[in-house]
Protein backbone atom coordinates (compact mmCIF):
# COMPACT_ATOMS: atom_id res chain seq x y z
CA MET A 1 -40.54 48.50 -15.29
CA THR A 2 -39.72 47.72 -11.56
CA GLY A 3 -37.94 49.79 -9.38
CA THR A 4 -34.58 49.03 -7.40
CA LEU A 5 -34.00 48.43 -3.76
CA TYR A 6 -30.90 50.01 -2.73
CA LEU A 7 -29.06 48.68 0.40
CA CYS A 8 -27.40 51.95 1.12
CA ALA A 9 -24.37 51.78 3.86
CA THR A 10 -24.00 54.89 6.34
CA PRO A 11 -21.29 55.82 8.42
CA ILE A 12 -20.30 53.93 11.47
CA GLY A 13 -19.27 57.26 13.36
CA ASN A 14 -17.43 59.42 11.14
CA LEU A 15 -19.65 61.31 8.75
CA GLU A 16 -16.70 61.66 6.36
CA ASP A 17 -16.93 57.98 5.54
CA MET A 18 -20.29 58.58 3.51
CA THR A 19 -19.61 57.98 -0.04
CA PHE A 20 -20.50 60.28 -2.80
CA ARG A 21 -22.74 57.48 -4.45
CA ALA A 22 -24.56 56.95 -1.50
CA ILE A 23 -25.60 60.72 -1.18
CA ARG A 24 -26.33 60.65 -4.92
CA THR A 25 -28.52 57.65 -4.31
CA LEU A 26 -30.44 58.94 -1.25
CA ARG A 27 -31.31 61.86 -3.17
CA GLU A 28 -32.51 60.06 -6.16
CA VAL A 29 -34.77 57.45 -4.85
CA ASN A 30 -38.39 57.89 -4.27
CA ILE A 31 -38.27 56.98 -0.54
CA ILE A 32 -35.88 56.00 2.34
CA ALA A 33 -36.88 53.04 4.75
CA ALA A 34 -34.54 53.58 8.11
CA GLU A 35 -34.46 51.48 10.98
CA ASP A 36 -34.43 54.85 13.46
CA THR A 37 -35.90 57.77 11.50
CA ARG A 38 -34.67 60.40 14.09
CA ARG A 39 -31.14 59.34 13.53
CA THR A 40 -31.26 58.81 9.91
CA ARG A 41 -33.03 62.33 9.67
CA LYS A 42 -30.01 63.65 11.29
CA LEU A 43 -27.77 62.18 8.74
CA LEU A 44 -29.72 63.31 5.85
CA ALA A 45 -30.13 66.98 7.25
CA HIS A 46 -26.22 67.00 7.18
CA PHE A 47 -25.88 66.08 3.72
CA ASP A 48 -28.80 68.24 2.41
CA ILE A 49 -30.92 65.15 1.45
CA HIS A 50 -34.75 65.93 1.39
CA THR A 51 -36.24 62.51 0.16
CA PRO A 52 -39.15 61.16 2.18
CA LEU A 53 -38.32 58.82 5.25
CA ILE A 54 -40.25 56.01 6.46
CA ARG A 55 -39.82 53.98 9.54
CA PHE A 56 -38.62 50.29 9.02
CA ASP A 57 -37.45 48.44 11.99
CA GLU A 58 -37.96 45.06 13.66
CA HIS A 59 -41.59 46.08 15.08
CA CYS A 60 -43.11 47.03 11.74
CA LYS A 61 -40.84 45.02 9.16
CA ILE A 62 -43.86 43.02 7.81
CA SER A 63 -46.26 45.78 7.42
CA VAL A 64 -43.85 48.09 6.06
CA GLY A 65 -42.01 45.68 4.04
CA GLU A 66 -45.51 44.75 2.07
CA LYS A 67 -45.80 48.34 1.19
CA ILE A 68 -42.03 48.83 0.20
CA LEU A 69 -42.47 45.82 -2.05
CA ALA A 70 -45.63 47.16 -3.58
CA ARG A 71 -43.72 50.53 -4.49
CA LEU A 72 -40.96 48.49 -5.93
CA ALA A 73 -43.44 46.62 -8.26
CA ALA A 74 -44.97 49.71 -9.14
CA GLY A 75 -41.52 51.04 -10.48
CA GLU A 76 -40.39 53.21 -7.41
CA SER A 77 -36.92 52.97 -6.18
CA VAL A 78 -36.45 52.35 -2.61
CA ALA A 79 -33.18 53.10 -0.29
CA VAL A 80 -33.00 51.06 2.99
CA VAL A 81 -30.50 52.37 5.31
CA SER A 82 -29.59 50.83 9.09
CA ASP A 83 -28.42 52.85 11.96
CA ALA A 84 -24.92 52.50 10.87
CA GLY A 85 -22.86 50.75 8.38
CA LEU A 86 -24.51 48.15 6.00
CA PRO A 87 -28.02 47.53 6.22
CA ALA A 88 -29.40 43.64 6.25
CA ILE A 89 -26.71 42.81 8.48
CA SER A 90 -28.18 42.08 12.20
CA ASP A 91 -31.27 44.31 10.97
CA PRO A 92 -34.44 43.58 9.44
CA GLY A 93 -33.16 44.68 5.93
CA ALA A 94 -32.27 40.95 5.42
CA GLU A 95 -35.81 39.72 5.33
CA LEU A 96 -36.73 42.41 3.02
CA VAL A 97 -34.02 41.63 0.71
CA ARG A 98 -35.07 38.03 0.63
CA SER A 99 -38.81 38.88 -0.20
CA ALA A 100 -37.44 41.23 -3.02
CA ILE A 101 -35.40 38.52 -4.60
CA ASP A 102 -38.34 36.03 -4.43
CA ALA A 103 -40.55 38.93 -6.19
CA GLY A 104 -37.88 39.02 -8.96
CA LEU A 105 -37.09 42.68 -7.93
CA THR A 106 -33.78 44.22 -8.65
CA VAL A 107 -31.78 44.47 -5.33
CA CYS A 108 -28.62 46.86 -5.53
CA PRO A 109 -25.77 47.34 -2.96
CA ILE A 110 -24.21 50.76 -2.22
CA PRO A 111 -21.04 49.60 -0.43
CA GLY A 112 -19.41 51.68 2.37
CA ALA A 113 -18.57 51.56 6.00
CA ASN A 114 -19.04 48.24 7.99
CA ALA A 115 -17.84 47.63 11.65
CA ALA A 116 -17.18 44.00 11.28
CA LEU A 117 -14.60 44.13 8.36
CA SER A 118 -13.04 47.52 9.71
CA ALA A 119 -12.25 45.32 13.22
CA LEU A 120 -10.94 42.45 11.43
CA ILE A 121 -8.42 44.52 9.15
CA CYS A 122 -6.98 46.16 12.01
CA SER A 123 -7.17 42.95 14.45
CA GLY A 124 -3.62 41.58 13.54
CA LEU A 125 -5.48 38.23 13.13
CA ASP A 126 -5.88 36.17 10.08
CA THR A 127 -7.91 37.75 7.41
CA ALA A 128 -7.72 34.76 4.88
CA ARG A 129 -10.60 33.19 6.46
CA PHE A 130 -13.05 34.52 8.82
CA MET A 131 -16.41 33.96 9.92
CA PHE A 132 -19.12 36.70 10.92
CA VAL A 133 -21.19 35.65 14.00
CA GLY A 134 -22.82 38.76 14.92
CA PHE A 135 -24.63 39.11 18.36
CA PRO A 136 -24.39 36.06 20.37
CA PRO A 137 -27.51 34.87 22.12
CA LYS A 138 -28.32 36.77 25.35
CA SER A 139 -29.23 33.66 27.48
CA LYS A 140 -26.23 32.04 29.00
CA LYS A 141 -27.10 28.67 28.08
CA ASN A 142 -27.64 29.36 24.34
CA ARG A 143 -24.24 31.37 24.12
CA ARG A 144 -22.18 28.66 25.71
CA GLU A 145 -24.05 26.02 23.16
CA LEU A 146 -22.93 28.38 20.42
CA LEU A 147 -19.38 28.99 21.54
CA GLN A 148 -18.93 25.18 21.90
CA ARG A 149 -20.25 24.64 18.25
CA LEU A 150 -17.59 27.59 17.07
CA ALA A 151 -14.74 25.91 19.12
CA THR A 152 -13.60 24.10 16.07
CA VAL A 153 -14.02 26.52 13.21
CA ASP A 154 -10.55 27.28 11.83
CA ALA A 155 -11.35 30.77 10.91
CA THR A 156 -11.16 33.98 12.50
CA LEU A 157 -14.57 34.71 14.26
CA ILE A 158 -16.12 38.23 14.53
CA PHE A 159 -18.65 38.92 17.34
CA TYR A 160 -20.91 42.16 18.18
CA GLU A 161 -21.75 42.53 21.49
CA ALA A 162 -23.17 44.90 23.93
CA PRO A 163 -21.20 46.71 26.47
CA HIS A 164 -23.10 45.33 29.52
CA ARG A 165 -22.62 41.77 28.40
CA LEU A 166 -19.18 42.23 27.01
CA LYS A 167 -17.11 41.08 30.46
CA ASN A 168 -19.42 37.81 30.72
CA PHE A 169 -19.05 36.99 26.89
CA LEU A 170 -15.34 37.49 27.06
CA SER A 171 -14.94 35.26 30.17
CA GLU A 172 -17.36 32.55 28.72
CA ALA A 173 -15.39 32.27 25.58
CA ALA A 174 -12.20 32.17 27.38
CA GLU A 175 -13.65 29.07 29.22
CA VAL A 176 -14.52 27.72 25.83
CA PHE A 177 -11.60 28.80 23.52
CA GLY A 178 -8.80 28.64 25.92
CA ALA A 179 -5.77 31.13 25.48
CA ARG A 180 -6.82 32.30 22.27
CA GLN A 181 -5.61 35.86 20.80
CA ALA A 182 -8.37 38.32 20.31
CA THR A 183 -8.89 42.05 19.72
CA LEU A 184 -11.54 44.23 21.01
CA ALA A 185 -12.25 47.42 18.55
CA ARG A 186 -14.41 49.98 20.40
CA GLU A 187 -16.15 53.30 19.05
CA LEU A 188 -14.60 52.43 15.73
CA THR A 189 -14.12 55.71 13.10
CA LYS A 190 -15.24 57.77 16.39
CA ILE A 191 -13.14 60.10 18.59
CA HIS A 192 -12.49 57.59 21.09
CA GLU A 193 -11.61 54.76 18.76
CA GLU A 194 -9.47 52.04 20.59
CA PHE A 195 -8.05 48.68 19.99
CA LEU A 196 -7.17 46.20 22.81
CA ARG A 197 -5.17 43.26 22.09
CA GLY A 198 -4.41 40.09 24.14
CA THR A 199 -5.73 36.73 24.98
CA LEU A 200 -9.59 36.43 25.81
CA THR A 201 -8.77 36.15 29.62
CA GLU A 202 -6.58 39.07 29.45
CA LEU A 203 -9.23 41.29 27.91
CA SER A 204 -11.97 40.26 30.26
CA LYS A 205 -9.64 41.52 32.95
CA LYS A 206 -9.06 44.73 31.16
CA ILE A 207 -12.83 45.68 30.95
CA SER A 208 -14.19 46.86 34.00
CA GLU A 209 -17.40 49.25 32.90
CA PRO A 210 -17.13 49.17 29.03
CA LEU A 211 -18.84 52.13 27.24
CA GLY A 212 -19.36 52.36 23.65
CA GLU A 213 -19.65 49.79 20.78
CA PHE A 214 -17.70 46.82 20.35
CA VAL A 215 -16.46 44.31 17.92
CA ILE A 216 -14.74 41.34 19.20
CA VAL A 217 -12.39 39.61 16.84
CA VAL A 218 -11.12 35.97 17.90
CA GLU A 219 -8.40 33.86 16.50
CA GLY A 220 -9.60 30.67 15.06
CA ALA A 221 -9.16 27.06 15.90
CA SER A 222 -5.68 25.91 15.51
CA SER A 223 -4.95 22.60 13.50
CA ALA A 224 -4.71 20.47 17.03
CA GLU A 225 -8.32 21.78 17.90
CA VAL A 226 -10.02 20.79 14.39
CA VAL A 227 -10.33 17.06 14.84
CA ALA A 228 -12.48 15.48 11.92
CA PRO A 229 -14.39 12.58 13.12
CA THR A 230 -13.36 9.15 12.19
CA GLU A 231 -16.62 7.80 13.27
CA ASN A 232 -20.36 8.30 12.69
CA ILE A 233 -22.84 9.86 15.10
CA SER A 234 -24.13 6.72 16.32
CA GLU A 235 -20.74 5.06 16.93
CA ALA A 236 -19.69 8.36 18.64
CA VAL A 237 -22.62 8.32 21.00
CA GLU A 238 -22.36 4.67 21.72
CA ARG A 239 -18.62 4.98 22.66
CA LEU A 240 -19.37 7.76 25.21
CA THR A 241 -22.25 5.94 26.66
CA ALA A 242 -20.00 2.81 27.05
CA SER A 243 -17.43 5.08 28.89
CA GLY A 244 -20.24 5.85 31.55
CA LEU A 245 -21.55 9.12 30.14
CA ASP A 246 -25.52 9.38 30.28
CA LYS A 247 -26.93 9.65 26.90
CA LYS A 248 -27.77 13.35 27.03
CA SER A 249 -24.45 14.10 28.07
CA ALA A 250 -22.93 12.25 25.50
CA MET A 251 -25.24 13.80 22.61
CA ARG A 252 -24.06 17.13 23.77
CA GLU A 253 -20.46 16.06 23.59
CA VAL A 254 -20.74 14.61 19.97
CA ALA A 255 -22.52 17.75 19.20
CA ARG A 256 -19.39 19.60 20.41
CA GLN A 257 -16.99 17.23 18.38
CA PHE A 258 -19.03 17.28 15.14
CA ASN A 259 -19.81 21.07 15.43
CA VAL A 260 -23.44 20.71 15.07
CA SER A 261 -26.40 21.08 17.25
CA ARG A 262 -27.95 18.35 19.58
CA ARG A 263 -31.16 18.60 17.55
CA GLU A 264 -29.22 17.37 14.43
CA ILE A 265 -27.52 14.70 16.68
CA TYR A 266 -31.04 13.57 17.70
CA ASN A 267 -32.45 13.36 14.03
CA ALA A 268 -29.26 11.62 12.95
CA LEU A 269 -29.64 8.75 15.89
CA LEU A 270 -33.61 8.75 15.00
CA LYS A 271 -32.82 8.12 11.33
CA GLU A 272 -30.36 5.40 12.11
CA GLU A 273 -32.71 3.50 14.45
CA ILE A 274 -35.58 3.59 11.72
CA GLN A 275 -33.14 2.44 9.09
């Protein structure tokens, strides 16, 4: 018999959001793997949980991950927690889950608080179709390329962003997406919880020196912005170069229109040349 890897949600601010099942699971497993042991130790103390705790973060995920898999294979059960919310979302738990599945081990979710979905349901934007993007790249160039690829996605977009990069992100998103509606969710479930709503440009002007943790929910592309390509990649590049664009710029524009990376455009052109 092998053990079970439990992915255990923890509160994103308000401790009352901890579930009875989560408390019981954390008491019953053999060990808890935490992104920040100091922060998790305070949580465990609050709920009178005395299960052994080990550090499992980005810096030690490979070595500690191997030890966790060995313990699971030996029949022990392990709970993984992140600093807040659901583990395996924007944290090293995702790789551990893949490794556990590849090894034929059991993975079990212990649901609970989640910042992205909490922001979405209070945003007032479409909840029928949405895409979780997570943290955008830190590089301005890479961030802009990502936004351009998302410009034709007809689903509500959910981002995380650090306070010191928030204003720049909102300004860049406004340049790429235009006057779309958005909601800033700040300090969710905490004392200073706040929702700011408006266009991306309006929100960028409201934010001066942002403090706290933010989730940004952005309206998806309208039907007018979602244009299905009627030509293949090679034809699209040829059309733009014939109009006067250099090949590099043409490839960049086609990548935006087809909502793919420039690398994919390059590979597609190369494939067509070989054929």
